[in-house]
Amino acid sequence: MAAFATSYIPTQASQVTRAADNASMLGDNFATWFNQVQGTIGVNFSFYSAIPAAGNRGGVLALGPGGYAAANALNIFQDGGTQNLAAYFTSATYPDVNLIKSLNAAANATNKAAYAYNKSAGSYALTTNGQSPSTGTSTQNTATFNSMHIGVRNSGSTYLNGTIQSISFYPVALPTSIQSITA
């Protein structure tokens, strides 16, 4: 018996292999509330593997141009080989624009993360569990986001080995108060 509940898998006479649960928000369901220029995303999540193998980046949340695409996306993920939570934009010309990391996301516990962005000012901040925010600047992010993918990176290939408890969105950048959101 598993240590936690999973989604329903219909079976009849034979065993069925579980496919990854994919949760996405697309089109008007996303565009009607998302602020393209600035905002703050909060996410409470847990993961079950203390340190994934290097190169295996478990996706927590991704924003993208619709569907799965490696370019013009925002990825928030557990950095492989560490217990860091990281965030970066990808662009068509450079793969890791404005990589910022926040330390000590804990395995088998609820983690609270927040990411604030202001594209017009080129400023970004990420924090986990009440830490001082890690910040970065970049003017390379000009992507328009049309989708949100939950529990996976925007490439659609690296999944979170855990659960997402909640996601919140503020339509303004709150870089100075994201630490209190995650405490």
N, C-alpha and C. Protein backbone atom coordinates (compact mmCIF):
# COMPACT_ATOMS: atom_id res chain seq x y z
N MET A 1 0.84 -1.17 0.00
CA MET A 1 0.00 0.00 0.00
C MET A 1 0.89 1.23 0.00
N ALA A 2 0.52 2.23 -0.79
CA ALA A 2 1.30 3.46 -0.92
C ALA A 2 1.18 4.31 0.35
N ALA A 3 2.17 5.17 0.54
CA ALA A 3 2.18 6.04 1.71
C ALA A 3 1.24 7.23 1.57
N PHE A 4 0.72 7.44 0.37
CA PHE A 4 -0.18 8.56 0.13
C PHE A 4 -1.16 8.18 -0.98
N ALA A 5 -2.28 8.88 -1.00
CA ALA A 5 -3.31 8.59 -2.00
C ALA A 5 -2.87 9.06 -3.38
N THR A 6 -3.29 8.34 -4.39
CA THR A 6 -3.00 8.72 -5.77
C THR A 6 -4.31 8.87 -6.52
N SER A 7 -4.24 9.37 -7.72
CA SER A 7 -5.44 9.50 -8.53
C SER A 7 -5.93 8.12 -8.97
N TYR A 8 -7.18 8.04 -9.34
CA TYR A 8 -7.82 6.80 -9.75
C TYR A 8 -7.19 6.25 -11.03
N ILE A 9 -6.89 4.96 -11.03
CA ILE A 9 -6.38 4.29 -12.22
C ILE A 9 -7.38 3.19 -12.57
N PRO A 10 -8.17 3.36 -13.63
CA PRO A 10 -9.14 2.32 -13.98
C PRO A 10 -8.43 1.08 -14.52
N THR A 11 -8.75 -0.07 -13.95
CA THR A 11 -8.22 -1.34 -14.44
C THR A 11 -9.37 -2.30 -14.61
N GLN A 12 -9.14 -3.31 -15.44
CA GLN A 12 -10.16 -4.34 -15.58
C GLN A 12 -9.52 -5.69 -15.28
N ALA A 13 -9.07 -6.39 -16.26
CA ALA A 13 -8.52 -7.72 -16.03
C ALA A 13 -7.00 -7.73 -15.94
N SER A 14 -6.36 -6.60 -16.21
CA SER A 14 -4.90 -6.62 -16.20
C SER A 14 -4.35 -5.39 -15.47
N GLN A 15 -3.07 -5.50 -15.12
CA GLN A 15 -2.38 -4.41 -14.43
C GLN A 15 -2.13 -3.25 -15.40
N VAL A 16 -2.20 -2.02 -14.89
CA VAL A 16 -1.99 -0.84 -15.72
C VAL A 16 -0.87 -0.02 -15.10
N THR A 17 0.03 0.48 -15.92
CA THR A 17 1.12 1.32 -15.45
C THR A 17 0.63 2.76 -15.33
N ARG A 18 0.97 3.39 -14.23
CA ARG A 18 0.56 4.77 -13.99
C ARG A 18 1.33 5.71 -14.89
N ALA A 19 0.61 6.58 -15.55
CA ALA A 19 1.23 7.69 -16.27
C ALA A 19 1.29 8.88 -15.31
N ALA A 20 2.15 9.83 -15.59
CA ALA A 20 2.26 11.01 -14.74
C ALA A 20 0.95 11.79 -14.75
N ASP A 21 0.56 12.31 -13.58
CA ASP A 21 -0.60 13.20 -13.52
C ASP A 21 -0.16 14.55 -14.05
N ASN A 22 -0.85 15.05 -15.05
CA ASN A 22 -0.52 16.34 -15.66
C ASN A 22 -1.66 17.31 -15.41
N ALA A 23 -1.36 18.39 -14.72
CA ALA A 23 -2.36 19.43 -14.49
C ALA A 23 -1.88 20.69 -15.20
N SER A 24 -2.72 21.22 -16.06
CA SER A 24 -2.38 22.42 -16.81
C SER A 24 -3.57 23.36 -16.85
N MET A 25 -3.29 24.63 -17.00
CA MET A 25 -4.32 25.65 -17.18
C MET A 25 -3.94 26.40 -18.45
N LEU A 26 -4.86 26.41 -19.42
CA LEU A 26 -4.56 26.97 -20.74
C LEU A 26 -5.62 27.97 -21.17
N GLY A 27 -5.31 28.74 -22.20
CA GLY A 27 -6.28 29.62 -22.86
C GLY A 27 -6.89 30.64 -21.93
N ASP A 28 -8.21 30.87 -22.08
CA ASP A 28 -8.91 31.87 -21.27
C ASP A 28 -8.89 31.53 -19.79
N ASN A 29 -8.84 30.25 -19.44
CA ASN A 29 -8.77 29.87 -18.03
C ASN A 29 -7.52 30.44 -17.37
N PHE A 30 -6.49 30.67 -18.15
CA PHE A 30 -5.24 31.24 -17.64
C PHE A 30 -5.17 32.75 -17.92
N ALA A 31 -5.45 33.14 -19.14
CA ALA A 31 -5.25 34.53 -19.59
C ALA A 31 -6.14 35.54 -18.88
N THR A 32 -7.29 35.14 -18.38
CA THR A 32 -8.21 36.10 -17.77
C THR A 32 -7.73 36.63 -16.43
N TRP A 33 -6.83 35.96 -15.76
CA TRP A 33 -6.38 36.43 -14.45
C TRP A 33 -4.87 36.70 -14.38
N PHE A 34 -4.10 36.23 -15.32
CA PHE A 34 -2.65 36.34 -15.23
C PHE A 34 -2.17 37.70 -15.72
N ASN A 35 -1.27 38.35 -14.96
CA ASN A 35 -0.68 39.63 -15.34
C ASN A 35 0.66 39.34 -16.02
N GLN A 36 0.77 39.68 -17.29
CA GLN A 36 1.98 39.40 -18.06
C GLN A 36 3.18 40.24 -17.62
N VAL A 37 2.94 41.43 -17.10
CA VAL A 37 4.03 42.36 -16.81
C VAL A 37 4.64 42.14 -15.43
N GLN A 38 3.81 41.92 -14.43
CA GLN A 38 4.33 41.73 -13.08
C GLN A 38 3.38 40.87 -12.26
N GLY A 39 3.92 40.21 -11.27
CA GLY A 39 3.09 39.38 -10.41
C GLY A 39 3.94 38.64 -9.39
N THR A 40 3.25 37.96 -8.49
CA THR A 40 3.89 37.13 -7.48
C THR A 40 3.14 35.81 -7.43
N ILE A 41 3.89 34.72 -7.52
CA ILE A 41 3.33 33.38 -7.48
C ILE A 41 3.77 32.71 -6.19
N GLY A 42 2.81 32.22 -5.42
CA GLY A 42 3.12 31.46 -4.21
C GLY A 42 2.73 30.01 -4.44
N VAL A 43 3.53 29.08 -3.97
CA VAL A 43 3.20 27.66 -4.12
C VAL A 43 3.66 26.91 -2.88
N ASN A 44 2.76 26.11 -2.32
CA ASN A 44 3.08 25.22 -1.21
C ASN A 44 3.17 23.82 -1.80
N PHE A 45 4.29 23.14 -1.56
CA PHE A 45 4.52 21.84 -2.17
C PHE A 45 5.36 20.97 -1.25
N SER A 46 5.38 19.69 -1.53
CA SER A 46 6.29 18.78 -0.85
C SER A 46 6.87 17.84 -1.89
N PHE A 47 8.04 17.30 -1.60
CA PHE A 47 8.62 16.30 -2.48
C PHE A 47 9.15 15.15 -1.62
N TYR A 48 9.25 13.98 -2.23
CA TYR A 48 9.54 12.76 -1.48
C TYR A 48 10.97 12.28 -1.62
N SER A 49 11.76 12.90 -2.41
CA SER A 49 13.15 12.50 -2.59
C SER A 49 14.02 13.65 -2.13
N ALA A 50 14.87 13.41 -1.14
CA ALA A 50 15.66 14.49 -0.56
C ALA A 50 16.51 15.20 -1.60
N ILE A 51 17.24 14.47 -2.40
CA ILE A 51 18.09 15.09 -3.40
C ILE A 51 18.00 14.28 -4.69
N PRO A 52 17.32 14.80 -5.70
CA PRO A 52 17.25 14.07 -6.97
C PRO A 52 18.63 14.05 -7.63
N ALA A 53 18.83 13.10 -8.49
CA ALA A 53 20.11 13.00 -9.19
C ALA A 53 20.41 14.28 -9.94
N ALA A 54 21.70 14.62 -10.04
CA ALA A 54 22.10 15.80 -10.80
C ALA A 54 21.53 15.70 -12.21
N GLY A 55 21.01 16.79 -12.71
CA GLY A 55 20.40 16.81 -14.03
C GLY A 55 18.92 16.47 -14.01
N ASN A 56 18.42 15.91 -12.90
CA ASN A 56 17.01 15.59 -12.78
C ASN A 56 16.35 16.70 -11.97
N ARG A 57 15.69 17.60 -12.65
CA ARG A 57 15.12 18.78 -12.00
C ARG A 57 13.61 18.62 -11.89
N GLY A 58 13.13 18.29 -10.72
CA GLY A 58 11.71 18.08 -10.52
C GLY A 58 10.93 19.38 -10.60
N GLY A 59 10.05 19.49 -11.58
CA GLY A 59 9.30 20.72 -11.80
C GLY A 59 8.22 20.93 -10.76
N VAL A 60 8.16 22.12 -10.21
CA VAL A 60 7.09 22.50 -9.28
C VAL A 60 6.00 23.25 -10.04
N LEU A 61 6.39 24.21 -10.87
CA LEU A 61 5.43 25.04 -11.61
C LEU A 61 6.13 25.63 -12.82
N ALA A 62 5.41 25.71 -13.93
CA ALA A 62 5.97 26.31 -15.14
C ALA A 62 4.91 27.16 -15.83
N LEU A 63 5.36 28.29 -16.35
CA LEU A 63 4.52 29.14 -17.18
C LEU A 63 5.12 29.11 -18.58
N GLY A 64 4.27 29.04 -19.60
CA GLY A 64 4.81 28.94 -20.95
C GLY A 64 3.92 29.54 -22.00
N PRO A 65 4.34 29.39 -23.26
CA PRO A 65 3.61 29.99 -24.38
C PRO A 65 2.42 29.16 -24.85
N GLY A 66 2.06 28.14 -24.12
CA GLY A 66 0.97 27.24 -24.52
C GLY A 66 1.53 25.89 -24.85
N GLY A 67 0.92 24.83 -24.33
CA GLY A 67 1.49 23.51 -24.53
C GLY A 67 2.84 23.42 -23.84
N TYR A 68 3.60 22.40 -24.19
CA TYR A 68 4.95 22.25 -23.64
C TYR A 68 5.94 22.78 -24.65
N ALA A 69 6.79 23.67 -24.22
CA ALA A 69 7.82 24.23 -25.09
C ALA A 69 9.02 24.58 -24.23
N ALA A 70 10.21 24.28 -24.73
CA ALA A 70 11.41 24.55 -23.95
C ALA A 70 11.76 26.03 -23.91
N ALA A 71 11.41 26.78 -24.93
CA ALA A 71 11.78 28.20 -25.01
C ALA A 71 10.64 29.09 -24.52
N ASN A 72 11.00 30.29 -24.08
CA ASN A 72 10.05 31.31 -23.64
C ASN A 72 9.16 30.81 -22.51
N ALA A 73 9.78 30.28 -21.46
CA ALA A 73 9.05 29.73 -20.33
C ALA A 73 9.68 30.18 -19.03
N LEU A 74 8.90 30.12 -17.95
CA LEU A 74 9.40 30.29 -16.60
C LEU A 74 9.29 28.93 -15.93
N ASN A 75 10.35 28.47 -15.31
CA ASN A 75 10.35 27.20 -14.60
C ASN A 75 10.74 27.43 -13.15
N ILE A 76 9.96 26.88 -12.23
CA ILE A 76 10.31 26.83 -10.82
C ILE A 76 10.47 25.35 -10.50
N PHE A 77 11.63 24.95 -9.99
CA PHE A 77 11.91 23.53 -9.89
C PHE A 77 12.90 23.23 -8.77
N GLN A 78 12.93 21.95 -8.36
CA GLN A 78 13.93 21.48 -7.42
C GLN A 78 15.17 21.17 -8.24
N ASP A 79 16.25 21.83 -7.92
CA ASP A 79 17.49 21.68 -8.69
C ASP A 79 18.11 20.32 -8.40
N GLY A 80 18.37 19.54 -9.43
CA GLY A 80 18.94 18.21 -9.28
C GLY A 80 20.31 18.23 -8.63
N GLY A 81 20.56 17.28 -7.73
CA GLY A 81 21.83 17.19 -7.04
C GLY A 81 21.91 18.06 -5.79
N THR A 82 20.86 18.85 -5.50
CA THR A 82 20.85 19.72 -4.33
C THR A 82 19.45 19.74 -3.73
N GLN A 83 19.31 20.43 -2.61
CA GLN A 83 17.99 20.69 -2.06
C GLN A 83 17.58 22.12 -2.34
N ASN A 84 18.16 22.72 -3.36
CA ASN A 84 17.80 24.09 -3.75
C ASN A 84 16.52 24.10 -4.55
N LEU A 85 15.75 25.15 -4.36
CA LEU A 85 14.66 25.45 -5.27
C LEU A 85 15.22 26.51 -6.20
N ALA A 86 14.95 26.41 -7.48
CA ALA A 86 15.51 27.35 -8.44
C ALA A 86 14.41 27.82 -9.38
N ALA A 87 14.67 28.96 -10.01
CA ALA A 87 13.74 29.49 -11.00
C ALA A 87 14.55 30.14 -12.10
N TYR A 88 14.10 29.99 -13.33
CA TYR A 88 14.72 30.70 -14.43
C TYR A 88 13.78 30.81 -15.60
N PHE A 89 14.04 31.80 -16.43
CA PHE A 89 13.35 31.95 -17.70
C PHE A 89 14.20 31.30 -18.78
N THR A 90 13.57 30.74 -19.76
CA THR A 90 14.27 30.31 -20.96
C THR A 90 13.84 31.25 -22.07
N SER A 91 14.72 31.50 -23.01
CA SER A 91 14.35 32.31 -24.16
C SER A 91 14.77 31.56 -25.41
N ALA A 92 14.39 32.06 -26.54
CA ALA A 92 14.75 31.42 -27.80
C ALA A 92 16.25 31.50 -28.05
N THR A 93 16.93 32.48 -27.47
CA THR A 93 18.34 32.67 -27.75
C THR A 93 19.27 32.23 -26.62
N TYR A 94 18.75 32.07 -25.40
CA TYR A 94 19.61 31.68 -24.29
C TYR A 94 18.82 30.77 -23.36
N PRO A 95 19.37 29.61 -22.96
CA PRO A 95 18.56 28.65 -22.22
C PRO A 95 18.26 29.00 -20.78
N ASP A 96 19.17 29.61 -20.05
CA ASP A 96 18.95 29.87 -18.62
C ASP A 96 19.09 31.35 -18.32
N VAL A 97 18.06 32.13 -18.62
CA VAL A 97 18.09 33.56 -18.36
C VAL A 97 17.72 33.78 -16.90
N ASN A 98 18.58 34.48 -16.17
CA ASN A 98 18.27 34.89 -14.81
C ASN A 98 17.99 33.71 -13.87
N LEU A 99 18.92 32.79 -13.79
CA LEU A 99 18.80 31.67 -12.86
C LEU A 99 19.01 32.18 -11.44
N ILE A 100 18.03 31.97 -10.57
CA ILE A 100 18.18 32.31 -9.16
C ILE A 100 17.80 31.10 -8.33
N LYS A 101 18.47 30.94 -7.19
CA LYS A 101 18.23 29.78 -6.34
C LYS A 101 17.90 30.21 -4.92
N SER A 102 17.08 29.40 -4.27
CA SER A 102 16.73 29.59 -2.88
C SER A 102 17.07 28.28 -2.17
N LEU A 103 17.76 28.34 -1.05
CA LEU A 103 18.28 27.13 -0.43
C LEU A 103 17.27 26.42 0.45
N ASN A 104 17.56 25.16 0.68
CA ASN A 104 16.95 24.34 1.73
C ASN A 104 15.44 24.10 1.62
N ALA A 105 14.99 23.66 0.48
CA ALA A 105 13.65 23.09 0.40
C ALA A 105 13.77 21.70 1.01
N ALA A 106 12.93 21.37 1.96
CA ALA A 106 13.08 20.13 2.73
C ALA A 106 12.24 19.00 2.16
N ALA A 107 12.82 17.81 2.13
CA ALA A 107 12.10 16.62 1.69
C ALA A 107 11.09 16.20 2.76
N ASN A 108 10.00 15.60 2.32
CA ASN A 108 8.98 15.05 3.20
C ASN A 108 8.40 16.08 4.15
N ALA A 109 8.31 17.31 3.71
CA ALA A 109 7.73 18.39 4.51
C ALA A 109 7.08 19.39 3.55
N THR A 110 6.16 20.17 4.07
CA THR A 110 5.57 21.22 3.24
C THR A 110 6.55 22.38 3.12
N ASN A 111 6.83 22.77 1.89
CA ASN A 111 7.68 23.92 1.59
C ASN A 111 6.80 25.03 1.05
N LYS A 112 7.12 26.25 1.41
CA LYS A 112 6.40 27.42 0.91
C LYS A 112 7.38 28.24 0.09
N ALA A 113 7.05 28.44 -1.17
CA ALA A 113 7.92 29.20 -2.06
C ALA A 113 7.13 30.36 -2.66
N ALA A 114 7.84 31.42 -2.99
CA ALA A 114 7.21 32.55 -3.68
C ALA A 114 8.20 33.11 -4.69
N TYR A 115 7.66 33.50 -5.84
CA TYR A 115 8.46 34.06 -6.92
C TYR A 115 7.79 35.35 -7.38
N ALA A 116 8.52 36.46 -7.34
CA ALA A 116 8.00 37.76 -7.78
C ALA A 116 8.73 38.19 -9.04
N TYR A 117 8.00 38.73 -10.01
CA TYR A 117 8.60 39.17 -11.26
C TYR A 117 8.04 40.52 -11.66
N ASN A 118 8.88 41.34 -12.23
CA ASN A 118 8.46 42.60 -12.82
C ASN A 118 9.26 42.73 -14.12
N LYS A 119 8.64 42.32 -15.23
CA LYS A 119 9.34 42.30 -16.52
C LYS A 119 9.75 43.70 -16.96
N SER A 120 8.90 44.69 -16.73
CA SER A 120 9.24 46.03 -17.20
C SER A 120 10.45 46.60 -16.44
N ALA A 121 10.62 46.22 -15.19
CA ALA A 121 11.79 46.66 -14.42
C ALA A 121 12.95 45.68 -14.54
N GLY A 122 12.67 44.48 -15.10
CA GLY A 122 13.71 43.46 -15.22
C GLY A 122 14.17 42.91 -13.89
N SER A 123 13.26 42.83 -12.89
CA SER A 123 13.66 42.35 -11.57
C SER A 123 12.85 41.11 -11.18
N TYR A 124 13.54 40.21 -10.45
CA TYR A 124 12.97 38.92 -10.09
C TYR A 124 13.45 38.55 -8.70
N ALA A 125 12.63 37.82 -7.94
CA ALA A 125 13.01 37.38 -6.60
C ALA A 125 12.37 36.03 -6.32
N LEU A 126 13.08 35.18 -5.58
CA LEU A 126 12.61 33.84 -5.21
C LEU A 126 12.98 33.59 -3.77
N THR A 127 12.06 33.03 -3.00
CA THR A 127 12.36 32.63 -1.63
C THR A 127 11.64 31.33 -1.30
N THR A 128 12.18 30.64 -0.31
CA THR A 128 11.59 29.40 0.18
C THR A 128 11.61 29.43 1.70
N ASN A 129 10.50 29.08 2.31
CA ASN A 129 10.40 28.87 3.75
C ASN A 129 10.91 30.04 4.59
N GLY A 130 10.55 31.25 4.21
CA GLY A 130 10.85 32.43 5.00
C GLY A 130 12.27 32.96 4.91
N GLN A 131 13.07 32.44 4.00
CA GLN A 131 14.45 32.93 3.85
C GLN A 131 14.47 34.30 3.19
N SER A 132 15.61 34.98 3.31
CA SER A 132 15.80 36.22 2.56
C SER A 132 15.75 35.87 1.07
N PRO A 133 15.07 36.67 0.27
CA PRO A 133 14.92 36.34 -1.15
C PRO A 133 16.24 36.38 -1.92
N SER A 134 16.37 35.47 -2.87
CA SER A 134 17.43 35.53 -3.87
C SER A 134 16.89 36.39 -4.99
N THR A 135 17.69 37.29 -5.52
CA THR A 135 17.19 38.21 -6.54
C THR A 135 18.05 38.15 -7.79
N GLY A 136 17.48 38.62 -8.88
CA GLY A 136 18.20 38.70 -10.14
C GLY A 136 17.60 39.78 -11.01
N THR A 137 18.34 40.14 -12.03
CA THR A 137 17.84 41.12 -12.99
C THR A 137 18.11 40.61 -14.40
N SER A 138 17.20 40.92 -15.30
CA SER A 138 17.36 40.54 -16.71
C SER A 138 16.31 41.28 -17.52
N THR A 139 16.70 41.75 -18.68
CA THR A 139 15.74 42.38 -19.59
C THR A 139 15.43 41.45 -20.76
N GLN A 140 15.92 40.20 -20.70
CA GLN A 140 15.74 39.28 -21.81
C GLN A 140 14.38 38.59 -21.82
N ASN A 141 13.64 38.66 -20.72
CA ASN A 141 12.36 37.97 -20.69
C ASN A 141 11.26 38.84 -21.29
N THR A 142 10.90 38.56 -22.52
CA THR A 142 9.81 39.27 -23.19
C THR A 142 8.70 38.32 -23.59
N ALA A 143 8.74 37.09 -23.08
CA ALA A 143 7.76 36.07 -23.46
C ALA A 143 6.36 36.44 -22.98
N THR A 144 5.36 36.00 -23.74
CA THR A 144 3.96 36.09 -23.33
C THR A 144 3.55 34.69 -22.89
N PHE A 145 3.07 34.57 -21.66
CA PHE A 145 2.68 33.27 -21.13
C PHE A 145 1.19 33.03 -21.38
N ASN A 146 0.86 31.83 -21.85
CA ASN A 146 -0.52 31.46 -22.13
C ASN A 146 -0.93 30.18 -21.42
N SER A 147 -0.04 29.65 -20.57
CA SER A 147 -0.36 28.39 -19.90
C SER A 147 0.41 28.25 -18.60
N MET A 148 -0.15 27.46 -17.70
CA MET A 148 0.51 27.08 -16.46
C MET A 148 0.50 25.56 -16.38
N HIS A 149 1.65 24.99 -16.06
CA HIS A 149 1.78 23.54 -15.88
C HIS A 149 2.20 23.30 -14.43
N ILE A 150 1.48 22.41 -13.77
CA ILE A 150 1.66 22.20 -12.34
C ILE A 150 2.33 20.86 -12.10
N GLY A 151 3.43 20.87 -11.35
CA GLY A 151 4.15 19.65 -11.02
C GLY A 151 5.08 19.15 -12.10
N VAL A 152 5.42 20.02 -13.06
CA VAL A 152 6.29 19.62 -14.16
C VAL A 152 7.00 20.86 -14.69
N ARG A 153 8.18 20.68 -15.26
CA ARG A 153 8.84 21.78 -15.96
C ARG A 153 8.18 21.98 -17.30
N ASN A 154 8.39 23.13 -17.91
CA ASN A 154 7.69 23.45 -19.15
C ASN A 154 8.11 22.59 -20.33
N SER A 155 9.21 21.86 -20.21
CA SER A 155 9.59 20.92 -21.27
C SER A 155 8.64 19.73 -21.28
N GLY A 156 7.90 19.53 -20.18
CA GLY A 156 6.96 18.42 -20.09
C GLY A 156 7.65 17.11 -19.79
N SER A 157 8.92 17.16 -19.34
CA SER A 157 9.64 15.91 -19.19
C SER A 157 10.17 15.64 -17.78
N THR A 158 10.25 16.62 -16.91
CA THR A 158 10.74 16.35 -15.56
C THR A 158 9.68 16.76 -14.55
N TYR A 159 9.22 15.77 -13.81
CA TYR A 159 8.09 15.92 -12.91
C TYR A 159 8.53 16.03 -11.46
N LEU A 160 7.70 16.67 -10.65
CA LEU A 160 7.91 16.74 -9.22
C LEU A 160 7.58 15.38 -8.62
N ASN A 161 8.47 14.85 -7.81
CA ASN A 161 8.19 13.62 -7.08
C ASN A 161 7.59 14.04 -5.74
N GLY A 162 6.34 14.49 -5.79
CA GLY A 162 5.70 15.00 -4.59
C GLY A 162 4.32 15.53 -4.90
N THR A 163 3.86 16.47 -4.09
CA THR A 163 2.52 17.02 -4.25
C THR A 163 2.55 18.54 -4.19
N ILE A 164 1.55 19.14 -4.81
CA ILE A 164 1.32 20.58 -4.73
C ILE A 164 0.08 20.76 -3.85
N GLN A 165 0.23 21.48 -2.75
CA GLN A 165 -0.91 21.69 -1.86
C GLN A 165 -1.73 22.91 -2.28
N SER A 166 -1.06 24.00 -2.69
CA SER A 166 -1.80 25.19 -3.08
C SER A 166 -0.93 26.09 -3.95
N ILE A 167 -1.62 26.90 -4.76
CA ILE A 167 -0.96 27.90 -5.60
C ILE A 167 -1.74 29.20 -5.42
N SER A 168 -1.03 30.30 -5.25
CA SER A 168 -1.69 31.61 -5.16
C SER A 168 -1.01 32.56 -6.14
N PHE A 169 -1.76 33.57 -6.56
CA PHE A 169 -1.21 34.55 -7.50
C PHE A 169 -1.66 35.94 -7.07
N TYR A 170 -0.70 36.86 -7.07
CA TYR A 170 -0.97 38.27 -6.81
C TYR A 170 -0.61 39.02 -8.09
N PRO A 171 -1.47 39.85 -8.63
CA PRO A 171 -1.19 40.50 -9.92
C PRO A 171 -0.23 41.68 -9.84
N VAL A 172 0.55 41.76 -8.77
CA VAL A 172 1.60 42.77 -8.62
C VAL A 172 2.85 42.08 -8.10
N ALA A 173 4.01 42.66 -8.40
CA ALA A 173 5.27 42.13 -7.88
C ALA A 173 5.40 42.52 -6.41
N LEU A 174 5.65 41.56 -5.55
CA LEU A 174 5.81 41.81 -4.12
C LEU A 174 7.20 41.39 -3.66
N PRO A 175 8.26 41.88 -4.30
CA PRO A 175 9.59 41.36 -3.97
C PRO A 175 10.03 41.60 -2.54
N THR A 176 9.56 42.67 -1.91
CA THR A 176 9.99 42.96 -0.54
C THR A 176 9.18 42.19 0.49
N SER A 177 8.03 41.65 0.11
CA SER A 177 7.22 40.93 1.10
C SER A 177 7.08 39.45 0.80
N ILE A 178 7.80 38.93 -0.20
CA ILE A 178 7.64 37.50 -0.48
C ILE A 178 8.20 36.64 0.67
N GLN A 179 9.13 37.16 1.42
CA GLN A 179 9.66 36.42 2.55
C GLN A 179 8.55 36.13 3.56
N SER A 180 7.67 37.10 3.84
CA SER A 180 6.59 36.90 4.80
C SER A 180 5.52 35.96 4.25
N ILE A 181 5.35 35.90 2.94
CA ILE A 181 4.38 34.97 2.34
C ILE A 181 4.78 33.52 2.62
N THR A 182 6.08 33.26 2.73
CA THR A 182 6.55 31.89 2.87
C THR A 182 6.96 31.50 4.29
N ALA A 183 6.81 32.41 5.23
CA ALA A 183 7.22 32.12 6.62
C ALA A 183 6.23 31.18 7.29
